[in-house]
Amino acid sequence: PAEALADEAPNFEKYLLDVLEGLI
């Protein structure tokens, strides 16, 4: 299951950074 998590990590990071854009 760690591979499924690793596959999703780039998407998670992208969307999280979109939400936080301009705050950090």
PDBML (XML) file of the C-alpha atoms, coordinates in Angstrom:
<?xml version="1.0" encoding="UTF-8" ?>
<PDBx:datablock datablockName="MODEL"
   xmlns:PDBx="http://pdbml.pdb.org/schema/pdbx-v50.xsd"
   xmlns:xsi="http://www.w3.org/2001/XMLSchema-instance"
   xsi:schemaLocation="http://pdbml.pdb.org/schema/pdbx-v50.xsd pdbx-v50.xsd">
   <PDBx:atom_siteCategory>
      <PDBx:atom_site id="1">
         <PDBx:B_iso_or_equiv>0.00</PDBx:B_iso_or_equiv>
         <PDBx:Cartn_x>0.000</PDBx:Cartn_x>
         <PDBx:Cartn_y>0.000</PDBx:Cartn_y>
         <PDBx:Cartn_z>0.000</PDBx:Cartn_z>
         <PDBx:auth_asym_id>A</PDBx:auth_asym_id>
         <PDBx:auth_atom_id>CA</PDBx:auth_atom_id>
         <PDBx:auth_comp_id>PRO</PDBx:auth_comp_id>
         <PDBx:auth_seq_id>1</PDBx:auth_seq_id>
         <PDBx:group_PDB>ATOM</PDBx:group_PDB>
         <PDBx:label_alt_id xsi:nil="true" />
         <PDBx:label_asym_id>A</PDBx:label_asym_id>
         <PDBx:label_atom_id>CA</PDBx:label_atom_id>
         <PDBx:label_comp_id>PRO</PDBx:label_comp_id>
         <PDBx:label_entity_id>1</PDBx:label_entity_id>
         <PDBx:label_seq_id>1</PDBx:label_seq_id>
         <PDBx:occupancy>1.00</PDBx:occupancy>
         <PDBx:pdbx_PDB_model_num>1</PDBx:pdbx_PDB_model_num>
         <PDBx:type_symbol>C</PDBx:type_symbol>
      </PDBx:atom_site>
      <PDBx:atom_site id="2">
         <PDBx:B_iso_or_equiv>0.00</PDBx:B_iso_or_equiv>
         <PDBx:Cartn_x>2.943</PDBx:Cartn_x>
         <PDBx:Cartn_y>2.379</PDBx:Cartn_y>
         <PDBx:Cartn_z>0.388</PDBx:Cartn_z>
         <PDBx:auth_asym_id>A</PDBx:auth_asym_id>
         <PDBx:auth_atom_id>CA</PDBx:auth_atom_id>
         <PDBx:auth_comp_id>ALA</PDBx:auth_comp_id>
         <PDBx:auth_seq_id>2</PDBx:auth_seq_id>
         <PDBx:group_PDB>ATOM</PDBx:group_PDB>
         <PDBx:label_alt_id xsi:nil="true" />
         <PDBx:label_asym_id>A</PDBx:label_asym_id>
         <PDBx:label_atom_id>CA</PDBx:label_atom_id>
         <PDBx:label_comp_id>ALA</PDBx:label_comp_id>
         <PDBx:label_entity_id>1</PDBx:label_entity_id>
         <PDBx:label_seq_id>2</PDBx:label_seq_id>
         <PDBx:occupancy>1.00</PDBx:occupancy>
         <PDBx:pdbx_PDB_model_num>1</PDBx:pdbx_PDB_model_num>
         <PDBx:type_symbol>C</PDBx:type_symbol>
      </PDBx:atom_site>
      <PDBx:atom_site id="3">
         <PDBx:B_iso_or_equiv>0.00</PDBx:B_iso_or_equiv>
         <PDBx:Cartn_x>3.226</PDBx:Cartn_x>
         <PDBx:Cartn_y>2.306</PDBx:Cartn_y>
         <PDBx:Cartn_z>-3.403</PDBx:Cartn_z>
         <PDBx:auth_asym_id>A</PDBx:auth_asym_id>
         <PDBx:auth_atom_id>CA</PDBx:auth_atom_id>
         <PDBx:auth_comp_id>GLU</PDBx:auth_comp_id>
         <PDBx:auth_seq_id>3</PDBx:auth_seq_id>
         <PDBx:group_PDB>ATOM</PDBx:group_PDB>
         <PDBx:label_alt_id xsi:nil="true" />
         <PDBx:label_asym_id>A</PDBx:label_asym_id>
         <PDBx:label_atom_id>CA</PDBx:label_atom_id>
         <PDBx:label_comp_id>GLU</PDBx:label_comp_id>
         <PDBx:label_entity_id>1</PDBx:label_entity_id>
         <PDBx:label_seq_id>3</PDBx:label_seq_id>
         <PDBx:occupancy>1.00</PDBx:occupancy>
         <PDBx:pdbx_PDB_model_num>1</PDBx:pdbx_PDB_model_num>
         <PDBx:type_symbol>C</PDBx:type_symbol>
      </PDBx:atom_site>
      <PDBx:atom_site id="4">
         <PDBx:B_iso_or_equiv>0.00</PDBx:B_iso_or_equiv>
         <PDBx:Cartn_x>-0.373</PDBx:Cartn_x>
         <PDBx:Cartn_y>3.534</PDBx:Cartn_y>
         <PDBx:Cartn_z>-3.764</PDBx:Cartn_z>
         <PDBx:auth_asym_id>A</PDBx:auth_asym_id>
         <PDBx:auth_atom_id>CA</PDBx:auth_atom_id>
         <PDBx:auth_comp_id>ALA</PDBx:auth_comp_id>
         <PDBx:auth_seq_id>4</PDBx:auth_seq_id>
         <PDBx:group_PDB>ATOM</PDBx:group_PDB>
         <PDBx:label_alt_id xsi:nil="true" />
         <PDBx:label_asym_id>A</PDBx:label_asym_id>
         <PDBx:label_atom_id>CA</PDBx:label_atom_id>
         <PDBx:label_comp_id>ALA</PDBx:label_comp_id>
         <PDBx:label_entity_id>1</PDBx:label_entity_id>
         <PDBx:label_seq_id>4</PDBx:label_seq_id>
         <PDBx:occupancy>1.00</PDBx:occupancy>
         <PDBx:pdbx_PDB_model_num>1</PDBx:pdbx_PDB_model_num>
         <PDBx:type_symbol>C</PDBx:type_symbol>
      </PDBx:atom_site>
      <PDBx:atom_site id="5">
         <PDBx:B_iso_or_equiv>0.00</PDBx:B_iso_or_equiv>
         <PDBx:Cartn_x>0.486</PDBx:Cartn_x>
         <PDBx:Cartn_y>6.351</PDBx:Cartn_y>
         <PDBx:Cartn_z>-1.356</PDBx:Cartn_z>
         <PDBx:auth_asym_id>A</PDBx:auth_asym_id>
         <PDBx:auth_atom_id>CA</PDBx:auth_atom_id>
         <PDBx:auth_comp_id>LEU</PDBx:auth_comp_id>
         <PDBx:auth_seq_id>5</PDBx:auth_seq_id>
         <PDBx:group_PDB>ATOM</PDBx:group_PDB>
         <PDBx:label_alt_id xsi:nil="true" />
         <PDBx:label_asym_id>A</PDBx:label_asym_id>
         <PDBx:label_atom_id>CA</PDBx:label_atom_id>
         <PDBx:label_comp_id>LEU</PDBx:label_comp_id>
         <PDBx:label_entity_id>1</PDBx:label_entity_id>
         <PDBx:label_seq_id>5</PDBx:label_seq_id>
         <PDBx:occupancy>1.00</PDBx:occupancy>
         <PDBx:pdbx_PDB_model_num>1</PDBx:pdbx_PDB_model_num>
         <PDBx:type_symbol>C</PDBx:type_symbol>
      </PDBx:atom_site>
      <PDBx:atom_site id="6">
         <PDBx:B_iso_or_equiv>0.00</PDBx:B_iso_or_equiv>
         <PDBx:Cartn_x>3.660</PDBx:Cartn_x>
         <PDBx:Cartn_y>7.189</PDBx:Cartn_y>
         <PDBx:Cartn_z>-3.293</PDBx:Cartn_z>
         <PDBx:auth_asym_id>A</PDBx:auth_asym_id>
         <PDBx:auth_atom_id>CA</PDBx:auth_atom_id>
         <PDBx:auth_comp_id>ALA</PDBx:auth_comp_id>
         <PDBx:auth_seq_id>6</PDBx:auth_seq_id>
         <PDBx:group_PDB>ATOM</PDBx:group_PDB>
         <PDBx:label_alt_id xsi:nil="true" />
         <PDBx:label_asym_id>A</PDBx:label_asym_id>
         <PDBx:label_atom_id>CA</PDBx:label_atom_id>
         <PDBx:label_comp_id>ALA</PDBx:label_comp_id>
         <PDBx:label_entity_id>1</PDBx:label_entity_id>
         <PDBx:label_seq_id>6</PDBx:label_seq_id>
         <PDBx:occupancy>1.00</PDBx:occupancy>
         <PDBx:pdbx_PDB_model_num>1</PDBx:pdbx_PDB_model_num>
         <PDBx:type_symbol>C</PDBx:type_symbol>
      </PDBx:atom_site>
      <PDBx:atom_site id="7">
         <PDBx:B_iso_or_equiv>0.00</PDBx:B_iso_or_equiv>
         <PDBx:Cartn_x>1.658</PDBx:Cartn_x>
         <PDBx:Cartn_y>7.291</PDBx:Cartn_y>
         <PDBx:Cartn_z>-6.546</PDBx:Cartn_z>
         <PDBx:auth_asym_id>A</PDBx:auth_asym_id>
         <PDBx:auth_atom_id>CA</PDBx:auth_atom_id>
         <PDBx:auth_comp_id>ASP</PDBx:auth_comp_id>
         <PDBx:auth_seq_id>7</PDBx:auth_seq_id>
         <PDBx:group_PDB>ATOM</PDBx:group_PDB>
         <PDBx:label_alt_id xsi:nil="true" />
         <PDBx:label_asym_id>A</PDBx:label_asym_id>
         <PDBx:label_atom_id>CA</PDBx:label_atom_id>
         <PDBx:label_comp_id>ASP</PDBx:label_comp_id>
         <PDBx:label_entity_id>1</PDBx:label_entity_id>
         <PDBx:label_seq_id>7</PDBx:label_seq_id>
         <PDBx:occupancy>1.00</PDBx:occupancy>
         <PDBx:pdbx_PDB_model_num>1</PDBx:pdbx_PDB_model_num>
         <PDBx:type_symbol>C</PDBx:type_symbol>
      </PDBx:atom_site>
      <PDBx:atom_site id="8">
         <PDBx:B_iso_or_equiv>0.00</PDBx:B_iso_or_equiv>
         <PDBx:Cartn_x>-0.784</PDBx:Cartn_x>
         <PDBx:Cartn_y>9.804</PDBx:Cartn_y>
         <PDBx:Cartn_z>-5.040</PDBx:Cartn_z>
         <PDBx:auth_asym_id>A</PDBx:auth_asym_id>
         <PDBx:auth_atom_id>CA</PDBx:auth_atom_id>
         <PDBx:auth_comp_id>GLU</PDBx:auth_comp_id>
         <PDBx:auth_seq_id>8</PDBx:auth_seq_id>
         <PDBx:group_PDB>ATOM</PDBx:group_PDB>
         <PDBx:label_alt_id xsi:nil="true" />
         <PDBx:label_asym_id>A</PDBx:label_asym_id>
         <PDBx:label_atom_id>CA</PDBx:label_atom_id>
         <PDBx:label_comp_id>GLU</PDBx:label_comp_id>
         <PDBx:label_entity_id>1</PDBx:label_entity_id>
         <PDBx:label_seq_id>8</PDBx:label_seq_id>
         <PDBx:occupancy>1.00</PDBx:occupancy>
         <PDBx:pdbx_PDB_model_num>1</PDBx:pdbx_PDB_model_num>
         <PDBx:type_symbol>C</PDBx:type_symbol>
      </PDBx:atom_site>
      <PDBx:atom_site id="9">
         <PDBx:B_iso_or_equiv>0.00</PDBx:B_iso_or_equiv>
         <PDBx:Cartn_x>1.870</PDBx:Cartn_x>
         <PDBx:Cartn_y>11.993</PDBx:Cartn_y>
         <PDBx:Cartn_z>-3.358</PDBx:Cartn_z>
         <PDBx:auth_asym_id>A</PDBx:auth_asym_id>
         <PDBx:auth_atom_id>CA</PDBx:auth_atom_id>
         <PDBx:auth_comp_id>ALA</PDBx:auth_comp_id>
         <PDBx:auth_seq_id>9</PDBx:auth_seq_id>
         <PDBx:group_PDB>ATOM</PDBx:group_PDB>
         <PDBx:label_alt_id xsi:nil="true" />
         <PDBx:label_asym_id>A</PDBx:label_asym_id>
         <PDBx:label_atom_id>CA</PDBx:label_atom_id>
         <PDBx:label_comp_id>ALA</PDBx:label_comp_id>
         <PDBx:label_entity_id>1</PDBx:label_entity_id>
         <PDBx:label_seq_id>9</PDBx:label_seq_id>
         <PDBx:occupancy>1.00</PDBx:occupancy>
         <PDBx:pdbx_PDB_model_num>1</PDBx:pdbx_PDB_model_num>
         <PDBx:type_symbol>C</PDBx:type_symbol>
      </PDBx:atom_site>
      <PDBx:atom_site id="10">
         <PDBx:B_iso_or_equiv>0.00</PDBx:B_iso_or_equiv>
         <PDBx:Cartn_x>2.564</PDBx:Cartn_x>
         <PDBx:Cartn_y>14.269</PDBx:Cartn_y>
         <PDBx:Cartn_z>-6.376</PDBx:Cartn_z>
         <PDBx:auth_asym_id>A</PDBx:auth_asym_id>
         <PDBx:auth_atom_id>CA</PDBx:auth_atom_id>
         <PDBx:auth_comp_id>PRO</PDBx:auth_comp_id>
         <PDBx:auth_seq_id>10</PDBx:auth_seq_id>
         <PDBx:group_PDB>ATOM</PDBx:group_PDB>
         <PDBx:label_alt_id xsi:nil="true" />
         <PDBx:label_asym_id>A</PDBx:label_asym_id>
         <PDBx:label_atom_id>CA</PDBx:label_atom_id>
         <PDBx:label_comp_id>PRO</PDBx:label_comp_id>
         <PDBx:label_entity_id>1</PDBx:label_entity_id>
         <PDBx:label_seq_id>10</PDBx:label_seq_id>
         <PDBx:occupancy>1.00</PDBx:occupancy>
         <PDBx:pdbx_PDB_model_num>1</PDBx:pdbx_PDB_model_num>
         <PDBx:type_symbol>C</PDBx:type_symbol>
      </PDBx:atom_site>
      <PDBx:atom_site id="11">
         <PDBx:B_iso_or_equiv>0.00</PDBx:B_iso_or_equiv>
         <PDBx:Cartn_x>-1.172</PDBx:Cartn_x>
         <PDBx:Cartn_y>14.969</PDBx:Cartn_y>
         <PDBx:Cartn_z>-6.843</PDBx:Cartn_z>
         <PDBx:auth_asym_id>A</PDBx:auth_asym_id>
         <PDBx:auth_atom_id>CA</PDBx:auth_atom_id>
         <PDBx:auth_comp_id>ASN</PDBx:auth_comp_id>
         <PDBx:auth_seq_id>11</PDBx:auth_seq_id>
         <PDBx:group_PDB>ATOM</PDBx:group_PDB>
         <PDBx:label_alt_id xsi:nil="true" />
         <PDBx:label_asym_id>A</PDBx:label_asym_id>
         <PDBx:label_atom_id>CA</PDBx:label_atom_id>
         <PDBx:label_comp_id>ASN</PDBx:label_comp_id>
         <PDBx:label_entity_id>1</PDBx:label_entity_id>
         <PDBx:label_seq_id>11</PDBx:label_seq_id>
         <PDBx:occupancy>1.00</PDBx:occupancy>
         <PDBx:pdbx_PDB_model_num>1</PDBx:pdbx_PDB_model_num>
         <PDBx:type_symbol>C</PDBx:type_symbol>
      </PDBx:atom_site>
      <PDBx:atom_site id="12">
         <PDBx:B_iso_or_equiv>0.00</PDBx:B_iso_or_equiv>
         <PDBx:Cartn_x>-1.641</PDBx:Cartn_x>
         <PDBx:Cartn_y>15.605</PDBx:Cartn_y>
         <PDBx:Cartn_z>-3.133</PDBx:Cartn_z>
         <PDBx:auth_asym_id>A</PDBx:auth_asym_id>
         <PDBx:auth_atom_id>CA</PDBx:auth_atom_id>
         <PDBx:auth_comp_id>PHE</PDBx:auth_comp_id>
         <PDBx:auth_seq_id>12</PDBx:auth_seq_id>
         <PDBx:group_PDB>ATOM</PDBx:group_PDB>
         <PDBx:label_alt_id xsi:nil="true" />
         <PDBx:label_asym_id>A</PDBx:label_asym_id>
         <PDBx:label_atom_id>CA</PDBx:label_atom_id>
         <PDBx:label_comp_id>PHE</PDBx:label_comp_id>
         <PDBx:label_entity_id>1</PDBx:label_entity_id>
         <PDBx:label_seq_id>12</PDBx:label_seq_id>
         <PDBx:occupancy>1.00</PDBx:occupancy>
         <PDBx:pdbx_PDB_model_num>1</PDBx:pdbx_PDB_model_num>
         <PDBx:type_symbol>C</PDBx:type_symbol>
      </PDBx:atom_site>
      <PDBx:atom_site id="13">
         <PDBx:B_iso_or_equiv>0.00</PDBx:B_iso_or_equiv>
         <PDBx:Cartn_x>1.304</PDBx:Cartn_x>
         <PDBx:Cartn_y>17.970</PDBx:Cartn_y>
         <PDBx:Cartn_z>-3.061</PDBx:Cartn_z>
         <PDBx:auth_asym_id>A</PDBx:auth_asym_id>
         <PDBx:auth_atom_id>CA</PDBx:auth_atom_id>
         <PDBx:auth_comp_id>GLU</PDBx:auth_comp_id>
         <PDBx:auth_seq_id>13</PDBx:auth_seq_id>
         <PDBx:group_PDB>ATOM</PDBx:group_PDB>
         <PDBx:label_alt_id xsi:nil="true" />
         <PDBx:label_asym_id>A</PDBx:label_asym_id>
         <PDBx:label_atom_id>CA</PDBx:label_atom_id>
         <PDBx:label_comp_id>GLU</PDBx:label_comp_id>
         <PDBx:label_entity_id>1</PDBx:label_entity_id>
         <PDBx:label_seq_id>13</PDBx:label_seq_id>
         <PDBx:occupancy>1.00</PDBx:occupancy>
         <PDBx:pdbx_PDB_model_num>1</PDBx:pdbx_PDB_model_num>
         <PDBx:type_symbol>C</PDBx:type_symbol>
      </PDBx:atom_site>
      <PDBx:atom_site id="14">
         <PDBx:B_iso_or_equiv>0.00</PDBx:B_iso_or_equiv>
         <PDBx:Cartn_x>0.089</PDBx:Cartn_x>
         <PDBx:Cartn_y>19.865</PDBx:Cartn_y>
         <PDBx:Cartn_z>-6.138</PDBx:Cartn_z>
         <PDBx:auth_asym_id>A</PDBx:auth_asym_id>
         <PDBx:auth_atom_id>CA</PDBx:auth_atom_id>
         <PDBx:auth_comp_id>LYS</PDBx:auth_comp_id>
         <PDBx:auth_seq_id>14</PDBx:auth_seq_id>
         <PDBx:group_PDB>ATOM</PDBx:group_PDB>
         <PDBx:label_alt_id xsi:nil="true" />
         <PDBx:label_asym_id>A</PDBx:label_asym_id>
         <PDBx:label_atom_id>CA</PDBx:label_atom_id>
         <PDBx:label_comp_id>LYS</PDBx:label_comp_id>
         <PDBx:label_entity_id>1</PDBx:label_entity_id>
         <PDBx:label_seq_id>14</PDBx:label_seq_id>
         <PDBx:occupancy>1.00</PDBx:occupancy>
         <PDBx:pdbx_PDB_model_num>1</PDBx:pdbx_PDB_model_num>
         <PDBx:type_symbol>C</PDBx:type_symbol>
      </PDBx:atom_site>
      <PDBx:atom_site id="15">
         <PDBx:B_iso_or_equiv>0.00</PDBx:B_iso_or_equiv>
         <PDBx:Cartn_x>-3.430</PDBx:Cartn_x>
         <PDBx:Cartn_y>20.414</PDBx:Cartn_y>
         <PDBx:Cartn_z>-4.810</PDBx:Cartn_z>
         <PDBx:auth_asym_id>A</PDBx:auth_asym_id>
         <PDBx:auth_atom_id>CA</PDBx:auth_atom_id>
         <PDBx:auth_comp_id>TYR</PDBx:auth_comp_id>
         <PDBx:auth_seq_id>15</PDBx:auth_seq_id>
         <PDBx:group_PDB>ATOM</PDBx:group_PDB>
         <PDBx:label_alt_id xsi:nil="true" />
         <PDBx:label_asym_id>A</PDBx:label_asym_id>
         <PDBx:label_atom_id>CA</PDBx:label_atom_id>
         <PDBx:label_comp_id>TYR</PDBx:label_comp_id>
         <PDBx:label_entity_id>1</PDBx:label_entity_id>
         <PDBx:label_seq_id>15</PDBx:label_seq_id>
         <PDBx:occupancy>1.00</PDBx:occupancy>
         <PDBx:pdbx_PDB_model_num>1</PDBx:pdbx_PDB_model_num>
         <PDBx:type_symbol>C</PDBx:type_symbol>
      </PDBx:atom_site>
      <PDBx:atom_site id="16">
         <PDBx:B_iso_or_equiv>0.00</PDBx:B_iso_or_equiv>
         <PDBx:Cartn_x>-2.206</PDBx:Cartn_x>
         <PDBx:Cartn_y>21.280</PDBx:Cartn_y>
         <PDBx:Cartn_z>-1.340</PDBx:Cartn_z>
         <PDBx:auth_asym_id>A</PDBx:auth_asym_id>
         <PDBx:auth_atom_id>CA</PDBx:auth_atom_id>
         <PDBx:auth_comp_id>LEU</PDBx:auth_comp_id>
         <PDBx:auth_seq_id>16</PDBx:auth_seq_id>
         <PDBx:group_PDB>ATOM</PDBx:group_PDB>
         <PDBx:label_alt_id xsi:nil="true" />
         <PDBx:label_asym_id>A</PDBx:label_asym_id>
         <PDBx:label_atom_id>CA</PDBx:label_atom_id>
         <PDBx:label_comp_id>LEU</PDBx:label_comp_id>
         <PDBx:label_entity_id>1</PDBx:label_entity_id>
         <PDBx:label_seq_id>16</PDBx:label_seq_id>
         <PDBx:occupancy>1.00</PDBx:occupancy>
         <PDBx:pdbx_PDB_model_num>1</PDBx:pdbx_PDB_model_num>
         <PDBx:type_symbol>C</PDBx:type_symbol>
      </PDBx:atom_site>
      <PDBx:atom_site id="17">
         <PDBx:B_iso_or_equiv>0.00</PDBx:B_iso_or_equiv>
         <PDBx:Cartn_x>0.169</PDBx:Cartn_x>
         <PDBx:Cartn_y>23.856</PDBx:Cartn_y>
         <PDBx:Cartn_z>-2.768</PDBx:Cartn_z>
         <PDBx:auth_asym_id>A</PDBx:auth_asym_id>
         <PDBx:auth_atom_id>CA</PDBx:auth_atom_id>
         <PDBx:auth_comp_id>LEU</PDBx:auth_comp_id>
         <PDBx:auth_seq_id>17</PDBx:auth_seq_id>
         <PDBx:group_PDB>ATOM</PDBx:group_PDB>
         <PDBx:label_alt_id xsi:nil="true" />
         <PDBx:label_asym_id>A</PDBx:label_asym_id>
         <PDBx:label_atom_id>CA</PDBx:label_atom_id>
         <PDBx:label_comp_id>LEU</PDBx:label_comp_id>
         <PDBx:label_entity_id>1</PDBx:label_entity_id>
         <PDBx:label_seq_id>17</PDBx:label_seq_id>
         <PDBx:occupancy>1.00</PDBx:occupancy>
         <PDBx:pdbx_PDB_model_num>1</PDBx:pdbx_PDB_model_num>
         <PDBx:type_symbol>C</PDBx:type_symbol>
      </PDBx:atom_site>
      <PDBx:atom_site id="18">
         <PDBx:B_iso_or_equiv>0.00</PDBx:B_iso_or_equiv>
         <PDBx:Cartn_x>-2.679</PDBx:Cartn_x>
         <PDBx:Cartn_y>25.273</PDBx:Cartn_y>
         <PDBx:Cartn_z>-4.883</PDBx:Cartn_z>
         <PDBx:auth_asym_id>A</PDBx:auth_asym_id>
         <PDBx:auth_atom_id>CA</PDBx:auth_atom_id>
         <PDBx:auth_comp_id>ASP</PDBx:auth_comp_id>
         <PDBx:auth_seq_id>18</PDBx:auth_seq_id>
         <PDBx:group_PDB>ATOM</PDBx:group_PDB>
         <PDBx:label_alt_id xsi:nil="true" />
         <PDBx:label_asym_id>A</PDBx:label_asym_id>
         <PDBx:label_atom_id>CA</PDBx:label_atom_id>
         <PDBx:label_comp_id>ASP</PDBx:label_comp_id>
         <PDBx:label_entity_id>1</PDBx:label_entity_id>
         <PDBx:label_seq_id>18</PDBx:label_seq_id>
         <PDBx:occupancy>1.00</PDBx:occupancy>
         <PDBx:pdbx_PDB_model_num>1</PDBx:pdbx_PDB_model_num>
         <PDBx:type_symbol>C</PDBx:type_symbol>
      </PDBx:atom_site>
      <PDBx:atom_site id="19">
         <PDBx:B_iso_or_equiv>0.00</PDBx:B_iso_or_equiv>
         <PDBx:Cartn_x>-4.715</PDBx:Cartn_x>
         <PDBx:Cartn_y>25.788</PDBx:Cartn_y>
         <PDBx:Cartn_z>-1.705</PDBx:Cartn_z>
         <PDBx:auth_asym_id>A</PDBx:auth_asym_id>
         <PDBx:auth_atom_id>CA</PDBx:auth_atom_id>
         <PDBx:auth_comp_id>VAL</PDBx:auth_comp_id>
         <PDBx:auth_seq_id>19</PDBx:auth_seq_id>
         <PDBx:group_PDB>ATOM</PDBx:group_PDB>
         <PDBx:label_alt_id xsi:nil="true" />
         <PDBx:label_asym_id>A</PDBx:label_asym_id>
         <PDBx:label_atom_id>CA</PDBx:label_atom_id>
         <PDBx:label_comp_id>VAL</PDBx:label_comp_id>
         <PDBx:label_entity_id>1</PDBx:label_entity_id>
         <PDBx:label_seq_id>19</PDBx:label_seq_id>
         <PDBx:occupancy>1.00</PDBx:occupancy>
         <PDBx:pdbx_PDB_model_num>1</PDBx:pdbx_PDB_model_num>
         <PDBx:type_symbol>C</PDBx:type_symbol>
      </PDBx:atom_site>
      <PDBx:atom_site id="20">
         <PDBx:B_iso_or_equiv>0.00</PDBx:B_iso_or_equiv>
         <PDBx:Cartn_x>-1.810</PDBx:Cartn_x>
         <PDBx:Cartn_y>27.315</PDBx:Cartn_y>
         <PDBx:Cartn_z>0.170</PDBx:Cartn_z>
         <PDBx:auth_asym_id>A</PDBx:auth_asym_id>
         <PDBx:auth_atom_id>CA</PDBx:auth_atom_id>
         <PDBx:auth_comp_id>LEU</PDBx:auth_comp_id>
         <PDBx:auth_seq_id>20</PDBx:auth_seq_id>
         <PDBx:group_PDB>ATOM</PDBx:group_PDB>
         <PDBx:label_alt_id xsi:nil="true" />
         <PDBx:label_asym_id>A</PDBx:label_asym_id>
         <PDBx:label_atom_id>CA</PDBx:label_atom_id>
         <PDBx:label_comp_id>LEU</PDBx:label_comp_id>
         <PDBx:label_entity_id>1</PDBx:label_entity_id>
         <PDBx:label_seq_id>20</PDBx:label_seq_id>
         <PDBx:occupancy>1.00</PDBx:occupancy>
         <PDBx:pdbx_PDB_model_num>1</PDBx:pdbx_PDB_model_num>
         <PDBx:type_symbol>C</PDBx:type_symbol>
      </PDBx:atom_site>
      <PDBx:atom_site id="21">
         <PDBx:B_iso_or_equiv>0.00</PDBx:B_iso_or_equiv>
         <PDBx:Cartn_x>-0.514</PDBx:Cartn_x>
         <PDBx:Cartn_y>29.458</PDBx:Cartn_y>
         <PDBx:Cartn_z>-2.698</PDBx:Cartn_z>
         <PDBx:auth_asym_id>A</PDBx:auth_asym_id>
         <PDBx:auth_atom_id>CA</PDBx:auth_atom_id>
         <PDBx:auth_comp_id>GLU</PDBx:auth_comp_id>
         <PDBx:auth_seq_id>21</PDBx:auth_seq_id>
         <PDBx:group_PDB>ATOM</PDBx:group_PDB>
         <PDBx:label_alt_id xsi:nil="true" />
         <PDBx:label_asym_id>A</PDBx:label_asym_id>
         <PDBx:label_atom_id>CA</PDBx:label_atom_id>
         <PDBx:label_comp_id>GLU</PDBx:label_comp_id>
         <PDBx:label_entity_id>1</PDBx:label_entity_id>
         <PDBx:label_seq_id>21</PDBx:label_seq_id>
         <PDBx:occupancy>1.00</PDBx:occupancy>
         <PDBx:pdbx_PDB_model_num>1</PDBx:pdbx_PDB_model_num>
         <PDBx:type_symbol>C</PDBx:type_symbol>
      </PDBx:atom_site>
      <PDBx:atom_site id="22">
         <PDBx:B_iso_or_equiv>0.00</PDBx:B_iso_or_equiv>
         <PDBx:Cartn_x>0.562</PDBx:Cartn_x>
         <PDBx:Cartn_y>32.832</PDBx:Cartn_y>
         <PDBx:Cartn_z>-1.419</PDBx:Cartn_z>
         <PDBx:auth_asym_id>A</PDBx:auth_asym_id>
         <PDBx:auth_atom_id>CA</PDBx:auth_atom_id>
         <PDBx:auth_comp_id>GLY</PDBx:auth_comp_id>
         <PDBx:auth_seq_id>22</PDBx:auth_seq_id>
         <PDBx:group_PDB>ATOM</PDBx:group_PDB>
         <PDBx:label_alt_id xsi:nil="true" />
         <PDBx:label_asym_id>A</PDBx:label_asym_id>
         <PDBx:label_atom_id>CA</PDBx:label_atom_id>
         <PDBx:label_comp_id>GLY</PDBx:label_comp_id>
         <PDBx:label_entity_id>1</PDBx:label_entity_id>
         <PDBx:label_seq_id>22</PDBx:label_seq_id>
         <PDBx:occupancy>1.00</PDBx:occupancy>
         <PDBx:pdbx_PDB_model_num>1</PDBx:pdbx_PDB_model_num>
         <PDBx:type_symbol>C</PDBx:type_symbol>
      </PDBx:atom_site>
      <PDBx:atom_site id="23">
         <PDBx:B_iso_or_equiv>0.00</PDBx:B_iso_or_equiv>
         <PDBx:Cartn_x>0.524</PDBx:Cartn_x>
         <PDBx:Cartn_y>31.786</PDBx:Cartn_y>
         <PDBx:Cartn_z>2.235</PDBx:Cartn_z>
         <PDBx:auth_asym_id>A</PDBx:auth_asym_id>
         <PDBx:auth_atom_id>CA</PDBx:auth_atom_id>
         <PDBx:auth_comp_id>LEU</PDBx:auth_comp_id>
         <PDBx:auth_seq_id>23</PDBx:auth_seq_id>
         <PDBx:group_PDB>ATOM</PDBx:group_PDB>
         <PDBx:label_alt_id xsi:nil="true" />
         <PDBx:label_asym_id>A</PDBx:label_asym_id>
         <PDBx:label_atom_id>CA</PDBx:label_atom_id>
         <PDBx:label_comp_id>LEU</PDBx:label_comp_id>
         <PDBx:label_entity_id>1</PDBx:label_entity_id>
         <PDBx:label_seq_id>23</PDBx:label_seq_id>
         <PDBx:occupancy>1.00</PDBx:occupancy>
         <PDBx:pdbx_PDB_model_num>1</PDBx:pdbx_PDB_model_num>
         <PDBx:type_symbol>C</PDBx:type_symbol>
      </PDBx:atom_site>
      <PDBx:atom_site id="24">
         <PDBx:B_iso_or_equiv>0.00</PDBx:B_iso_or_equiv>
         <PDBx:Cartn_x>3.924</PDBx:Cartn_x>
         <PDBx:Cartn_y>30.087</PDBx:Cartn_y>
         <PDBx:Cartn_z>2.435</PDBx:Cartn_z>
         <PDBx:auth_asym_id>A</PDBx:auth_asym_id>
         <PDBx:auth_atom_id>CA</PDBx:auth_atom_id>
         <PDBx:auth_comp_id>ILE</PDBx:auth_comp_id>
         <PDBx:auth_seq_id>24</PDBx:auth_seq_id>
         <PDBx:group_PDB>ATOM</PDBx:group_PDB>
         <PDBx:label_alt_id xsi:nil="true" />
         <PDBx:label_asym_id>A</PDBx:label_asym_id>
         <PDBx:label_atom_id>CA</PDBx:label_atom_id>
         <PDBx:label_comp_id>ILE</PDBx:label_comp_id>
         <PDBx:label_entity_id>1</PDBx:label_entity_id>
         <PDBx:label_seq_id>24</PDBx:label_seq_id>
         <PDBx:occupancy>1.00</PDBx:occupancy>
         <PDBx:pdbx_PDB_model_num>1</PDBx:pdbx_PDB_model_num>
         <PDBx:type_symbol>C</PDBx:type_symbol>
      </PDBx:atom_site>
   </PDBx:atom_siteCategory>
</PDBx:datablock>
